[in-house]
Protein backbone atom coordinates (compact mmCIF):
# COMPACT_ATOMS: atom_id res chain seq x y z
CA UNK A 1 0.00 -0.01 0.00
CA UNK A 2 1.47 3.28 -0.88
CA UNK A 3 2.24 5.88 1.75
CA UNK A 4 -0.51 8.22 0.56
CA UNK A 5 -3.18 5.65 1.25
CA UNK A 6 -1.92 4.88 4.89
CA UNK A 7 -4.52 5.86 7.60
CA UNK A 8 -2.93 8.35 10.00
CA UNK A 9 -3.26 6.94 13.55
CA UNK A 10 -2.13 7.88 17.04
CA UNK A 11 -1.04 5.17 19.44
CA UNK A 12 -1.84 4.96 23.08
CA UNK A 13 0.00 2.72 25.74
CA UNK A 14 -0.26 2.34 29.41
CA UNK A 15 0.96 0.31 32.27
CA UNK A 16 -0.15 0.44 36.02
CA UNK A 17 3.38 -0.27 37.68
CA UNK A 18 6.87 -0.76 36.36
CA UNK A 19 6.62 -4.40 37.38
CA UNK A 20 3.93 -5.39 34.79
CA UNK A 21 4.73 -8.08 32.44
CA UNK A 22 3.34 -6.31 29.30
CA UNK A 23 5.71 -3.34 29.17
CA UNK A 24 5.22 -0.22 27.27
CA UNK A 25 7.66 -1.49 24.51
CA UNK A 26 5.92 -4.64 24.19
CA UNK A 27 2.70 -2.97 23.71
CA UNK A 28 4.20 -0.57 21.05
CA UNK A 29 5.91 -3.29 19.24
CA UNK A 30 2.65 -5.45 18.94
CA UNK A 31 0.56 -2.39 17.83
CA UNK A 32 3.21 -1.14 15.44
CA UNK A 33 3.56 -4.56 13.67
CA UNK A 34 -0.43 -4.80 13.53
CA UNK A 35 -0.49 -1.38 12.10
CA UNK A 36 2.05 -1.97 9.30
CA UNK A 37 0.11 -4.96 8.22
CA UNK A 38 -3.13 -3.25 7.94
CA UNK A 39 -2.19 0.09 6.35
CA UNK A 40 -2.01 2.29 9.35
CA UNK A 41 0.70 4.83 10.09
CA UNK A 42 1.37 5.79 13.74
CA UNK A 43 2.07 9.49 13.76
CA UNK A 44 3.05 9.64 17.53
CA UNK A 45 2.46 7.74 20.78
CA UNK A 46 0.52 8.90 23.96
CA UNK A 47 2.11 7.20 26.89
CA UNK A 48 0.97 6.98 30.67
CA UNK A 49 3.55 4.96 32.53
CA UNK A 50 2.96 3.64 36.19
CA UNK A 51 -0.68 5.06 36.11
CA UNK A 52 -3.79 3.17 37.04
CA UNK A 53 -6.69 2.97 34.49
CA UNK A 54 -9.47 2.81 37.07
CA UNK A 55 -10.03 6.43 36.52
CA UNK A 56 -8.93 9.02 33.80
CA UNK A 57 -7.98 11.44 36.46
CA UNK A 58 -4.21 12.05 36.34
CA UNK A 59 -3.71 10.25 33.22
CA UNK A 60 -2.17 13.33 31.25
CA UNK A 61 -1.26 11.44 28.15
CA UNK A 62 -4.80 10.12 27.79
CA UNK A 63 -6.26 13.54 28.47
CA UNK A 64 -3.97 15.13 25.71
CA UNK A 65 -5.04 12.38 23.32
CA UNK A 66 -8.77 13.11 23.74
CA UNK A 67 -8.01 16.87 23.58
CA UNK A 68 -6.10 16.45 20.20
CA UNK A 69 -8.63 14.18 18.76
CA UNK A 70 -11.39 16.81 19.33
CA UNK A 71 -9.30 19.81 18.47
CA UNK A 72 -7.65 19.94 14.91
CA UNK A 73 -6.62 16.42 14.90
CA UNK A 74 -4.20 14.96 12.33
CA UNK A 75 -4.99 11.28 12.93
CA UNK A 76 -8.23 9.20 12.04
CA UNK A 77 -7.62 6.28 14.52
CA UNK A 78 -6.30 5.50 17.91
CA UNK A 79 -4.58 2.16 18.28
CA UNK A 80 -4.34 0.80 21.74
CA UNK A 81 -3.15 -2.57 22.67
CA UNK A 82 -6.26 -3.81 24.48
CA UNK A 83 -9.28 -2.25 26.34
CA UNK A 84 -7.75 -2.64 29.70
CA UNK A 85 -4.87 -0.39 28.64
CA UNK A 86 -7.35 2.11 27.44
CA UNK A 87 -9.49 2.08 30.47
CA UNK A 88 -10.69 0.12 33.48
CA UNK A 89 -13.33 2.47 34.50
CA UNK A 90 -16.22 0.10 33.40
CA UNK A 91 -18.69 0.19 30.52
CA UNK A 92 -19.90 3.68 31.34
CA UNK A 93 -16.62 5.48 31.35
CA UNK A 94 -14.97 3.56 28.45
CA UNK A 95 -18.17 4.08 26.49
CA UNK A 96 -18.15 7.80 27.27
CA UNK A 97 -14.58 8.28 25.81
CA UNK A 98 -15.22 6.08 22.85
CA UNK A 99 -18.25 8.06 22.10
CA UNK A 100 -16.36 11.23 22.20
CA UNK A 101 -13.70 9.88 19.88
CA UNK A 102 -16.41 8.66 17.45
CA UNK A 103 -18.15 12.16 17.46
CA UNK A 104 -14.75 13.61 16.61
CA UNK A 105 -14.40 11.22 13.62
CA UNK A 106 -11.79 8.98 15.20
CA UNK A 107 -12.12 5.26 15.39
CA UNK A 108 -10.71 3.40 18.42
CA UNK A 109 -9.13 0.00 17.66
CA UNK A 110 -7.63 -2.66 20.07
CA UNK A 111 -5.50 -4.92 18.10
CA UNK A 112 -5.13 -7.70 20.74
CA UNK A 113 -8.92 -8.05 21.29
CA UNK A 114 -10.05 -9.20 17.85
CA UNK A 115 -13.32 -7.44 18.11
CA UNK A 116 -15.38 -7.68 14.91
CA UNK A 117 -17.33 -4.86 13.22
CA UNK A 118 -21.05 -4.30 13.64
CA UNK A 119 -23.42 -4.92 16.47
CA UNK A 120 -21.57 -8.13 17.57
CA UNK A 121 -18.48 -6.12 17.99
CA UNK A 122 -20.26 -3.45 20.04
CA UNK A 123 -21.66 -5.88 22.43
CA UNK A 124 -18.30 -7.69 22.83
CA UNK A 125 -16.52 -4.38 23.40
CA UNK A 126 -19.12 -3.65 26.23
CA UNK A 127 -18.44 -7.00 27.92
CA UNK A 128 -14.75 -6.66 27.73
CA UNK A 129 -14.88 -3.14 29.18
CA UNK A 130 -16.95 -4.71 32.09
CA UNK A 131 -14.40 -7.44 32.55
CA UNK A 132 -11.47 -4.95 32.67
CA UNK A 133 -13.39 -3.07 35.43
CA UNK A 134 -14.12 -6.35 37.38
CA UNK A 135 -10.47 -7.28 37.28
CA UNK A 136 -9.54 -4.04 38.97
CA UNK A 137 -12.39 -4.52 41.48
CA UNK A 138 -11.19 -7.92 42.38
CA UNK A 139 -7.58 -6.92 42.38
CA UNK A 140 -8.32 -3.97 44.81
CA UNK A 141 -10.32 -6.15 47.22
CA UNK A 142 -7.65 -8.89 47.37
CA UNK A 143 -5.03 -6.20 47.89
CA UNK A 144 -6.87 -4.69 50.69
CA UNK A 145 -7.18 -8.07 52.54
CA UNK A 146 -3.61 -9.02 51.66
CA UNK A 147 -2.39 -5.72 53.16
CA UNK A 148 -4.44 -5.91 56.17
CA UNK A 149 -3.30 -9.46 56.87
CA UNK A 150 0.44 -8.49 56.41
CA UNK A 151 0.13 -5.87 58.84
CA UNK A 152 -1.97 -7.42 61.62
CA UNK A 153 -0.62 -10.94 61.61
CA UNK A 154 2.97 -10.58 60.34
CA UNK A 155 3.26 -7.10 61.84
CA UNK A 156 5.22 -6.10 58.71
CA UNK A 157 5.59 -2.30 57.76
CA UNK A 158 3.38 -1.27 54.72
CA UNK A 159 4.55 1.42 52.38
CA UNK A 160 7.76 2.27 50.49
CA UNK A 161 9.31 4.85 52.82
CA UNK A 162 10.31 4.68 56.28
CA UNK A 163 9.15 7.65 58.62
CA UNK A 164 11.78 10.20 59.39
CA UNK A 165 14.10 8.81 62.13
CA UNK A 166 13.76 5.19 61.04
CA UNK A 167 15.28 2.74 58.80
CA UNK A 168 13.54 -0.26 57.07
CA UNK A 169 14.90 -3.63 58.09
CA UNK A 170 14.09 -6.76 56.00
CA UNK A 171 13.67 -9.97 57.66
CA UNK A 172 13.30 -13.54 56.38
CA UNK A 173 10.27 -15.55 57.77
CA UNK A 174 12.67 -17.30 60.36
CA UNK A 175 13.74 -13.92 61.72
CA UNK A 176 17.14 -13.59 60.01
CA UNK A 177 17.97 -10.03 59.14
CA UNK A 178 18.52 -9.71 55.32
CA UNK A 179 19.31 -6.07 54.81
CA UNK A 180 18.35 -2.45 55.77
CA UNK A 181 17.26 0.50 53.70
CA UNK A 182 17.91 4.11 54.58
CA UNK A 183 16.27 7.04 53.14
CA UNK A 184 18.62 10.00 52.07
CA UNK A 185 17.67 13.72 51.72
CA UNK A 186 18.49 13.67 47.89
CA UNK A 187 15.80 10.99 47.19
CA UNK A 188 18.16 8.15 46.96
CA UNK A 189 18.42 5.04 49.25
CA UNK A 190 21.23 3.24 50.87
CA UNK A 191 21.01 -0.50 50.93
CA UNK A 192 22.93 -1.61 54.12
CA UNK A 193 24.03 -4.98 55.17
CA UNK A 194 23.09 -6.54 58.55
CA UNK A 195 26.15 -5.01 60.24
CA UNK A 196 25.38 -1.63 58.84
CA UNK A 197 27.98 -1.55 56.05
CA UNK A 198 26.86 0.08 52.68
CA UNK A 199 26.06 -2.26 49.99
CA UNK A 200 24.98 -0.02 47.24
CA UNK A 201 22.95 3.26 46.51
CA UNK A 202 19.83 3.13 44.70
CA UNK A 203 19.08 6.37 42.82
CA UNK A 204 15.92 8.37 43.24
CA UNK A 205 12.85 6.53 41.74
CA UNK A 206 14.53 3.21 41.90
CA UNK A 207 13.13 0.59 44.33
CA UNK A 208 14.45 -2.48 45.94
CA UNK A 209 12.35 -5.63 44.98
CA UNK A 210 10.78 -7.37 48.04
CA UNK A 211 9.78 -10.97 48.35
CA UNK A 212 6.33 -11.73 49.43
CA UNK A 213 7.67 -13.67 52.33
CA UNK A 214 9.78 -10.78 53.56
CA UNK A 215 8.87 -9.06 56.83
CA UNK A 216 9.70 -5.30 57.17
CA UNK A 217 10.27 -3.86 60.38
CA UNK A 218 11.24 -0.21 61.45
CA UNK A 219 14.58 0.26 63.34
CA UNK A 220 16.03 3.55 64.75
CA UNK A 221 18.09 5.36 62.05
CA UNK A 222 20.94 7.83 62.45
CA UNK A 223 21.36 9.19 65.90
CA UNK A 224 20.99 12.84 64.73
CA UNK A 225 17.49 11.97 63.18
CA UNK A 226 16.37 10.18 66.28
CA UNK A 227 17.39 13.09 68.46
CA UNK A 228 15.67 15.64 65.94
CA UNK A 229 12.30 13.52 66.51
CA UNK A 230 12.68 13.45 70.19
CA UNK A 231 13.40 17.07 70.44
CA UNK A 232 10.14 17.83 68.36
CA UNK A 233 8.04 15.79 70.63
CA UNK A 234 9.74 17.39 73.78
CA UNK A 235 9.00 21.02 72.39
CA UNK A 236 5.60 20.09 71.53
CA UNK A 237 4.65 18.46 74.80
CA UNK A 238 6.20 21.59 76.66
CA UNK A 239 3.68 23.98 74.75
CA UNK A 240 5.63 24.91 71.64
CA UNK A 241 3.38 25.36 68.52
CA UNK A 242 4.11 23.43 65.40
CA UNK A 243 4.85 26.48 63.29
CA UNK A 244 7.53 27.50 65.84
CA UNK A 245 9.10 24.02 65.90
CA UNK A 246 9.29 24.20 62.02
CA UNK A 247 11.03 27.66 62.33
CA UNK A 248 13.56 26.30 65.02
CA UNK A 249 14.55 23.25 62.66
CA UNK A 250 15.03 25.52 59.66
CA UNK A 251 17.04 27.90 61.76
CA UNK A 252 19.28 24.95 62.93
CA UNK A 253 19.65 23.97 59.19
CA UNK A 254 17.98 20.60 59.75
CA UNK A 255 16.11 19.42 56.49
CA UNK A 256 12.92 17.32 56.14
CA UNK A 257 13.32 13.66 54.99
CA UNK A 258 13.28 14.90 51.47
CA UNK A 259 15.81 17.56 52.00
CA UNK A 260 13.39 20.40 52.00
CA UNK A 261 12.52 23.16 54.66
CA UNK A 262 10.08 22.27 57.38
CA UNK A 263 6.42 23.39 57.01
CA UNK A 264 3.49 23.18 59.35
CA UNK A 265 2.32 20.01 57.51
CA UNK A 266 5.58 18.18 57.64
CA UNK A 267 5.95 18.83 61.34
CA UNK A 268 2.28 17.83 62.09
CA UNK A 269 2.74 14.57 60.21
CA UNK A 270 5.43 13.57 62.50
CA UNK A 271 4.08 14.52 65.75
CA UNK A 272 0.58 12.79 65.05
CA UNK A 273 2.03 9.62 63.91
CA UNK A 274 1.59 6.61 66.30
CA UNK A 275 4.70 4.99 64.74
CA UNK A 276 6.90 6.94 66.96
CA UNK A 277 5.67 5.18 70.21
CA UNK A 278 6.39 1.85 68.61
CA UNK A 279 2.95 1.13 66.89
CA UNK A 280 2.28 0.61 63.25
CA UNK A 281 -0.55 2.70 61.85
CA UNK A 282 -2.21 2.07 58.41
CA UNK A 283 -5.09 3.52 56.69
CA UNK A 284 -4.49 7.11 57.86
CA UNK A 285 -5.24 8.46 54.53
CA UNK A 286 -7.39 7.03 51.73
CA UNK A 287 -6.27 7.36 47.97
CA UNK A 288 -8.38 4.47 46.75
CA UNK A 289 -10.19 4.81 43.50
CA UNK A 290 -12.46 1.73 43.69
CA UNK A 291 -12.84 0.69 47.38
CA UNK A 292 -11.32 2.09 50.59
CA UNK A 293 -10.62 -0.08 53.46
CA UNK A 294 -12.14 -0.24 56.94
CA UNK A 295 -10.47 -1.29 60.20
CA UNK A 296 -12.53 -4.57 60.07
CA UNK A 297 -11.61 -5.40 56.55
CA UNK A 298 -14.88 -4.34 54.99
CA UNK A 299 -15.02 -2.17 51.88
CA UNK A 300 -16.42 1.32 51.81
CA UNK A 301 -16.60 4.10 48.85
CA UNK A 302 -13.41 5.41 47.70
CA UNK A 303 -11.97 8.96 48.37
CA UNK A 304 -13.82 11.82 46.53
CA UNK A 305 -10.78 13.81 46.24
CA UNK A 306 -8.46 12.48 43.67
CA UNK A 307 -5.45 13.55 45.71
CA UNK A 308 -6.80 11.43 48.59
CA UNK A 309 -8.44 12.29 52.02
CA UNK A 310 -7.29 12.01 55.59
CA UNK A 311 -9.39 9.47 57.55
CA UNK A 312 -10.52 9.98 61.00
CA UNK A 313 -8.82 7.94 63.78
CA UNK A 314 -11.84 5.68 63.99
CA UNK A 315 -10.61 4.34 60.58
CA UNK A 316 -7.00 3.84 61.29
CA UNK A 317 -5.66 0.36 61.77
CA UNK A 318 -3.08 0.44 64.73
CA UNK A 319 -0.95 -2.49 65.88
CA UNK A 320 0.86 -1.42 69.19
CA UNK A 321 4.37 -2.56 70.37
CA UNK A 322 5.75 -3.67 66.94
CA UNK A 323 9.11 -1.93 66.85
CA UNK A 324 11.53 0.09 69.00
CA UNK A 325 9.87 3.42 69.89
CA UNK A 326 11.74 6.68 69.46
CA UNK A 327 9.66 8.48 72.30
CA UNK A 328 7.90 7.15 75.23
CA UNK A 329 3.99 6.61 75.13
CA UNK A 330 3.72 9.12 77.90
CA UNK A 331 5.70 11.83 75.88
CA UNK A 332 3.76 10.86 72.66
CA UNK A 333 0.39 11.31 74.45
CA UNK A 334 1.41 14.67 76.02
CA UNK A 335 2.16 15.95 72.71
CA UNK A 336 -1.29 14.88 71.34
CA UNK A 337 -2.94 16.46 74.40
CA UNK A 338 -1.12 19.74 73.82
CA UNK A 339 -1.98 19.89 70.12
CA UNK A 340 -5.52 19.38 70.93
CA UNK A 341 -5.52 22.13 73.47
CA UNK A 342 -3.90 24.52 71.11
CA UNK A 343 -6.12 23.41 68.32
CA UNK A 344 -9.21 24.63 70.41
CA UNK A 345 -7.70 27.98 71.06
CA UNK A 346 -7.04 28.50 67.38
CA UNK A 347 -4.85 31.62 66.84
CA UNK A 348 -5.04 32.65 70.59
CA UNK A 349 -2.70 29.64 71.59
CA UNK A 350 0.31 31.69 70.18
CA UNK A 351 1.51 33.99 73.07
CA UNK A 352 3.75 36.20 70.90
CA UNK A 353 4.04 37.46 67.40
CA UNK A 354 0.39 36.55 66.56
CA UNK A 355 -1.92 38.57 64.39
CA UNK A 356 -4.21 41.05 65.92
CA UNK A 357 -7.36 39.19 65.38
CA UNK A 358 -6.23 35.55 65.20
CA UNK A 359 -8.79 33.48 66.97
CA UNK A 360 -11.17 36.22 67.53
CA UNK A 361 -12.88 36.14 64.08
CA UNK A 362 -15.04 33.03 63.64
CA UNK A 363 -16.53 31.57 60.48
CA UNK A 364 -20.49 31.47 60.75
CA UNK A 365 -20.60 28.34 58.56
CA UNK A 366 -18.02 26.05 60.16
CA UNK A 367 -17.44 27.68 63.52
CA UNK A 368 -13.64 27.65 63.14
CA UNK A 369 -11.45 30.54 63.94
CA UNK A 370 -9.72 32.63 61.34
CA UNK A 371 -5.92 32.43 61.83
CA UNK A 372 -3.15 34.75 60.51
CA UNK A 373 -0.94 33.70 57.73
CA UNK A 374 1.74 35.04 55.31
CA UNK A 375 1.94 34.60 51.61
CA UNK A 376 2.90 35.98 48.44
CA UNK A 377 6.69 36.83 47.35
CA UNK A 378 8.75 36.94 50.37
CA UNK A 379 5.69 36.45 52.60
CA UNK A 380 4.73 40.08 52.21
CA UNK A 381 1.00 39.36 52.09
CA UNK A 382 -0.74 39.14 55.43
CA UNK A 383 -4.33 37.61 55.78
CA UNK A 384 -6.62 35.73 57.91
CA UNK A 385 -7.67 32.24 56.76
CA UNK A 386 -10.43 29.89 57.55
CA UNK A 387 -9.10 27.37 60.04
CA UNK A 388 -11.27 24.42 58.77
CA UNK A 389 -10.30 25.07 55.14
CA UNK A 390 -6.70 25.21 56.22
CA UNK A 391 -6.82 21.93 58.01
CA UNK A 392 -9.33 19.98 55.85
CA UNK A 393 -9.47 21.65 52.62
CA UNK A 394 -12.81 22.16 50.95
CA UNK A 395 -14.11 19.21 52.97
CA UNK A 396 -13.94 21.47 56.04
CA UNK A 397 -15.26 24.82 54.75
CA UNK A 398 -14.93 27.31 51.75
CA UNK A 399 -11.47 28.92 51.09
CA UNK A 400 -12.12 32.19 52.77
CA UNK A 401 -9.39 34.81 53.07
CA UNK A 402 -9.54 38.22 54.78
CA UNK A 403 -7.05 40.85 54.19
CA UNK A 404 -5.16 41.50 57.57
CA UNK A 405 -4.12 44.96 56.96
CA UNK A 406 -7.47 46.27 56.12
CA UNK A 407 -9.40 44.28 58.78
CA UNK A 408 -6.79 45.38 61.48
CA UNK A 409 -6.95 49.05 60.46
CA UNK A 410 -10.74 48.84 60.47
CA UNK A 411 -11.10 47.42 63.94
CA UNK A 412 -8.52 49.73 65.35
CA UNK A 413 -10.40 52.66 63.85
CA UNK A 414 -13.55 51.49 65.43
CA UNK A 415 -11.89 50.99 68.74
CA UNK A 416 -10.64 54.56 68.71
CA UNK A 417 -14.15 55.81 68.05
CA UNK A 418 -15.60 53.67 70.81
CA UNK A 419 -13.14 54.88 73.32
CA UNK A 420 -13.55 58.47 72.28
CA UNK A 421 -17.24 58.37 71.32
CA UNK A 422 -20.67 58.71 72.81
CA UNK A 423 -23.28 56.07 73.13
CA UNK A 424 -24.88 56.49 69.72
CA UNK A 425 -21.42 56.32 68.19
CA UNK A 426 -20.49 53.11 70.05
CA UNK A 427 -23.70 51.35 68.84
CA UNK A 428 -23.15 52.31 65.10
CA UNK A 429 -19.57 51.39 65.40
CA UNK A 430 -20.59 47.78 66.85
CA UNK A 431 -23.09 47.48 64.10
CA UNK A 432 -20.60 48.35 61.42
CA UNK A 433 -18.02 45.99 62.82
CA UNK A 434 -20.60 43.10 62.91
CA UNK A 435 -21.66 43.78 59.29
CA UNK A 436 -18.04 44.04 57.99
CA UNK A 437 -16.65 40.98 59.84
């Protein structure tokens, strides 16, 4: 067939993890061979690597593919290895995007499926879309059951990164220490022998394969990191606020586990984590797209926020006394109590350098205090922000900001008028303040 008669096409490839057997090059090779034999010319590829297909959210290449198809496209077909590579969102989601492509004049073809034309092919395509979704549903259910069992029965640490102050220790089923893994500020990982000698350095993004039988335990890391964690808890239990702790760490030149400056969230995540008293905690945050786990192993609806949602403590799975604690249970609890006390006070918990109206202005919708913050280049913008939104995002309340300079000036002006004014002026000032606030 001459080049002029070749059908212009775009290729789409995807895999969920870097350990999946059908790699991106494998998919491309199969599709390109199929295309060459049937008169298609692939102009370019759209590739989502290490991304789940249970939802189109976060699949940037897929979104670009749909956008290009609907806006001045230069291809008449999309070639994708099979339907599961295209989408595992079920018949509704898959059908929605196939319909959009069809309206744009683009045919979606899945070479490995062998779907015929006509009504039979349309029916078969729907069945395969349903099967792709059910595979993900079953995989999610089995993964949750396996993770819960691994945590509660084997008491093995889940997750790919150790909390700041700890190293990951890999054990054989008989308890023999195999190796240790230490997180470094530049994102690399040091693989250590049981005696602590360096075996190799894993660059950022490269992970150490783990056998299913391996048990992962946390062990205290370098002494300076352990001391930093202990100091944070001592400061907190003694009445020091989270932001002040971050400022002290930054002033001392101490970096976060990722080599960055400390912020409120990075300090809070350490102070609220039960891992530092020797316990394993799982399901503190939900990122599930199909089913989210509950402590009893039952499934519940997934997170509404694509970036995940923080679960209440009633949803946490906590296994006590698993590894060596970095702080005592008493110190850990005193830090929790102090955080709770300061949280109730809002901005009033800060004895010095606090904003004039922090903790005094309340949101009529959520009841949380407005607290002072700095933003903009160099922190030159001062404002009051809704406490519920600051803590929980839109789930807590609307993102409401009040200009601190303007509000402070208005309140001080009214105070002056009240001090020097008569009764009528006082009443009018109060009314105006209530309306404005």
